[in-house]
Amino acid sequence: MAVLQKHGKSPGADLVSLKSNPQTGFGGNGTPKKWTDNNPYWSRPLARVWTAVLLLGTCLLYCARVAMPICAVSMAEQFSWSKRESGIVLGSFFWGYCFTQVIGGYISDRVGGEKIMLLSAAAWGSMTAFTPVLAHFCSQPIVSMTLCRFLMGLLQGVHYPSLASLCSQKVPEGERGFLMSTVGSGSYLG
């Protein structure tokens, strides 16, 4: 009581303010507000579903990423590529990947991480499925495969920036570590 008087506060200031404004913390009819009102975060069940989907997406991302290096030996034999030409095809992925790291995060913050991830995953998934066709697309397979791998890098480069943007907008701060570590483990599973 003495501490409250020393700082100029009355002992019941909070109760008086609540009595003068009874709607604070309550809905329009006097009932307590629900957690979902103006809450930008996912509910716990929805967060679990998104965590599983994002884990699967990260697994598929890495499966698609390593498909070409696995096939590179047989493609090099089939198309008579030298080690240098094989290196150009494989390295072109990482040139595309590095270009979209910053811009991917910027666009994800503006448009939404889930939209960017959906569009890029659909595009790189299609390119992965059509890689054998793209290898025979032009008379010089090295050109078509280098371009294909560069575009795959561009499209996959937005995954982690979009994931970070999505996580920062939809997951409460105390649960972000679990989601990011679980989804990140998809890279090892893929």
Protein backbone atom coordinates (compact mmCIF):
# COMPACT_ATOMS: atom_id res chain seq x y z
CA MET A 1 0.00 0.00 0.00
CA ALA A 2 2.82 2.38 0.87
CA VAL A 3 4.59 1.57 -2.39
CA LEU A 4 1.46 2.35 -4.38
CA GLN A 5 0.96 5.68 -2.57
CA LYS A 6 4.65 6.55 -3.06
CA HIS A 7 4.29 6.19 -6.84
CA GLY A 8 0.98 8.04 -6.94
CA LYS A 9 -1.25 5.07 -7.72
CA SER A 10 -4.38 4.14 -5.89
CA PRO A 11 -4.72 0.49 -4.82
CA GLY A 12 -7.74 -0.19 -6.99
CA ALA A 13 -6.77 1.74 -10.16
CA ASP A 14 -7.00 -1.32 -12.38
CA LEU A 15 -10.38 -2.30 -10.99
CA VAL A 16 -11.70 1.23 -11.41
CA SER A 17 -10.60 1.33 -15.07
CA LEU A 18 -12.25 -2.06 -15.65
CA LYS A 19 -15.50 -0.85 -14.09
CA SER A 20 -15.47 2.32 -16.21
CA ASN A 21 -14.83 0.34 -19.42
CA PRO A 22 -16.47 -3.08 -18.99
CA GLN A 23 -16.04 -4.06 -22.67
CA THR A 24 -12.23 -4.23 -22.50
CA GLY A 25 -11.18 -7.81 -23.15
CA PHE A 26 -14.72 -8.83 -24.00
CA GLY A 27 -16.78 -9.21 -27.14
CA GLY A 28 -19.74 -6.98 -28.00
CA ASN A 29 -22.23 -8.88 -25.82
CA GLY A 30 -19.99 -9.14 -22.75
CA THR A 31 -18.65 -12.64 -23.53
CA PRO A 32 -14.89 -13.23 -23.55
CA LYS A 33 -13.20 -12.77 -26.92
CA LYS A 34 -12.15 -15.93 -28.72
CA TRP A 35 -8.49 -16.58 -29.52
CA THR A 36 -9.18 -16.54 -33.26
CA ASP A 37 -10.42 -12.93 -33.39
CA ASN A 38 -7.79 -10.94 -35.30
CA ASN A 39 -5.21 -13.66 -34.66
CA PRO A 40 -2.77 -13.95 -37.58
CA TYR A 41 -1.30 -17.26 -36.36
CA TRP A 42 -2.34 -20.79 -37.27
CA SER A 43 -4.22 -22.85 -34.73
CA ARG A 44 -2.25 -25.77 -33.30
CA PRO A 45 -3.99 -28.46 -35.46
CA LEU A 46 -3.54 -26.36 -38.59
CA ALA A 47 0.11 -25.75 -37.70
CA ARG A 48 0.64 -29.51 -37.42
CA VAL A 49 -0.84 -30.07 -40.87
CA TRP A 50 1.31 -27.29 -42.35
CA THR A 51 4.40 -28.70 -40.63
CA ALA A 52 3.78 -32.12 -42.22
CA VAL A 53 3.11 -30.59 -45.65
CA LEU A 54 6.19 -28.36 -45.49
CA LEU A 55 8.31 -31.31 -44.33
CA LEU A 56 7.10 -33.32 -47.33
CA GLY A 57 7.74 -30.34 -49.62
CA THR A 58 11.30 -29.99 -48.36
CA CYS A 59 11.87 -33.73 -48.84
CA LEU A 60 10.65 -33.47 -52.44
CA LEU A 61 12.74 -30.35 -53.00
CA TYR A 62 15.90 -32.24 -52.12
CA CYS A 63 14.83 -35.32 -54.07
CA ALA A 64 14.43 -33.14 -57.16
CA ARG A 65 17.70 -31.36 -56.43
CA VAL A 66 19.76 -34.55 -56.33
CA ALA A 67 18.03 -36.29 -59.24
CA MET A 68 20.25 -34.65 -61.85
CA PRO A 69 23.59 -35.34 -60.14
CA ILE A 70 22.59 -39.00 -59.89
CA CYS A 71 21.70 -39.10 -63.59
CA ALA A 72 24.66 -36.96 -64.69
CA VAL A 73 27.02 -39.92 -65.14
CA SER A 74 24.72 -41.78 -67.52
CA MET A 75 23.75 -38.55 -69.33
CA ALA A 76 27.42 -37.65 -69.78
CA GLU A 77 28.02 -41.05 -71.37
CA GLN A 78 24.91 -40.81 -73.55
CA PHE A 79 25.64 -37.29 -74.82
CA SER A 80 29.46 -37.56 -74.76
CA TRP A 81 29.94 -34.76 -72.25
CA SER A 82 33.36 -34.09 -70.83
CA LYS A 83 33.84 -33.59 -67.09
CA ARG A 84 33.89 -29.84 -67.69
CA GLU A 85 30.56 -29.91 -69.54
CA SER A 86 29.01 -32.08 -66.80
CA GLY A 87 30.30 -29.57 -64.25
CA ILE A 88 28.70 -26.69 -66.17
CA VAL A 89 25.33 -28.46 -66.20
CA LEU A 90 25.49 -29.34 -62.51
CA GLY A 91 26.90 -25.97 -61.42
CA SER A 92 24.27 -23.96 -63.26
CA PHE A 93 21.74 -24.98 -60.61
CA PHE A 94 23.63 -23.11 -57.91
CA TRP A 95 23.98 -19.97 -60.02
CA GLY A 96 20.22 -19.85 -60.36
CA TYR A 97 19.76 -20.73 -56.70
CA CYS A 98 21.85 -17.82 -55.42
CA PHE A 99 19.99 -15.23 -57.53
CA THR A 100 16.59 -15.79 -55.93
CA GLN A 101 17.51 -15.93 -52.23
CA VAL A 102 16.97 -12.24 -51.45
CA ILE A 103 14.27 -11.51 -54.00
CA GLY A 104 12.38 -14.64 -52.92
CA GLY A 105 12.16 -13.38 -49.35
CA TYR A 106 11.12 -9.90 -50.47
CA ILE A 107 8.34 -11.18 -52.72
CA SER A 108 7.20 -13.69 -50.08
CA ASP A 109 6.84 -10.91 -47.52
CA ARG A 110 4.71 -8.92 -49.95
CA VAL A 111 2.61 -11.66 -51.59
CA GLY A 112 2.70 -14.46 -49.02
CA GLY A 113 5.11 -17.33 -48.55
CA GLU A 114 2.52 -20.01 -49.20
CA LYS A 115 1.69 -18.63 -52.66
CA ILE A 116 5.32 -18.33 -53.70
CA MET A 117 6.13 -21.83 -52.43
CA LEU A 118 3.14 -23.33 -54.24
CA LEU A 119 3.98 -21.68 -57.57
CA SER A 120 7.68 -22.49 -57.41
CA ALA A 121 7.09 -26.10 -56.29
CA ALA A 122 4.63 -26.66 -59.14
CA ALA A 123 7.15 -25.25 -61.62
CA TRP A 124 10.26 -27.12 -60.43
CA GLY A 125 8.24 -30.30 -59.98
CA SER A 126 7.09 -30.08 -63.60
CA MET A 127 10.63 -29.39 -64.77
CA THR A 128 11.90 -32.41 -62.84
CA ALA A 129 9.25 -34.64 -64.41
CA PHE A 130 10.05 -33.37 -67.91
CA THR A 131 13.85 -33.47 -67.57
CA PRO A 132 14.21 -36.47 -69.92
CA VAL A 133 12.14 -34.66 -72.55
CA LEU A 134 14.08 -31.43 -72.05
CA ALA A 135 17.36 -33.29 -72.56
CA HIS A 136 16.30 -34.02 -76.13
CA PHE A 137 14.61 -30.64 -76.67
CA CYS A 138 17.31 -29.13 -78.84
CA SER A 139 20.20 -30.38 -80.93
CA GLN A 140 22.66 -29.50 -78.15
CA PRO A 141 21.49 -31.23 -74.94
CA ILE A 142 24.13 -29.39 -72.96
CA VAL A 143 22.34 -26.10 -73.66
CA SER A 144 18.87 -27.35 -72.76
CA MET A 145 20.07 -29.10 -69.61
CA THR A 146 22.15 -26.12 -68.46
CA LEU A 147 19.16 -23.84 -68.93
CA CYS A 148 16.87 -26.36 -67.23
CA ARG A 149 19.16 -26.65 -64.21
CA PHE A 150 19.57 -22.86 -64.00
CA LEU A 151 15.77 -22.42 -63.97
CA MET A 152 15.45 -25.18 -61.37
CA GLY A 153 17.89 -23.26 -59.20
CA LEU A 154 15.91 -20.05 -59.67
CA LEU A 155 12.69 -21.78 -58.68
CA GLN A 156 14.10 -23.73 -55.73
CA GLY A 157 15.99 -20.71 -54.42
CA VAL A 158 12.78 -19.17 -53.09
CA HIS A 159 11.92 -22.17 -50.88
CA TYR A 160 13.78 -21.27 -47.68
CA PRO A 161 13.15 -17.50 -47.86
CA SER A 162 9.45 -18.22 -48.43
CA LEU A 163 9.48 -20.71 -45.58
CA ALA A 164 11.03 -18.13 -43.24
CA SER A 165 8.49 -15.50 -44.31
CA LEU A 166 5.59 -17.91 -43.86
CA CYS A 167 6.85 -19.00 -40.46
CA SER A 168 7.31 -15.43 -39.23
CA GLN A 169 3.78 -14.48 -40.29
CA LYS A 170 1.81 -17.58 -39.27
CA VAL A 171 3.62 -19.29 -36.38
CA PRO A 172 3.87 -17.88 -32.83
CA GLU A 173 7.41 -17.03 -31.83
CA GLY A 174 7.61 -19.77 -29.20
CA GLU A 175 6.79 -22.50 -31.76
CA ARG A 176 8.94 -21.36 -34.69
CA GLY A 177 11.99 -23.34 -33.62
CA PHE A 178 10.08 -26.63 -33.66
CA LEU A 179 8.51 -25.94 -37.07
CA MET A 180 11.74 -24.80 -38.70
CA SER A 181 13.81 -27.68 -37.30
CA THR A 182 11.18 -30.23 -38.30
CA VAL A 183 10.81 -28.82 -41.81
CA GLY A 184 14.57 -28.40 -42.14
CA SER A 185 15.06 -32.07 -41.37
CA GLY A 186 13.28 -32.74 -44.66
CA SER A 187 16.52 -31.82 -46.40
CA TYR A 188 18.21 -34.81 -44.76
CA LEU A 189 15.29 -37.14 -45.44
CA GLY A 190 15.14 -36.08 -49.09
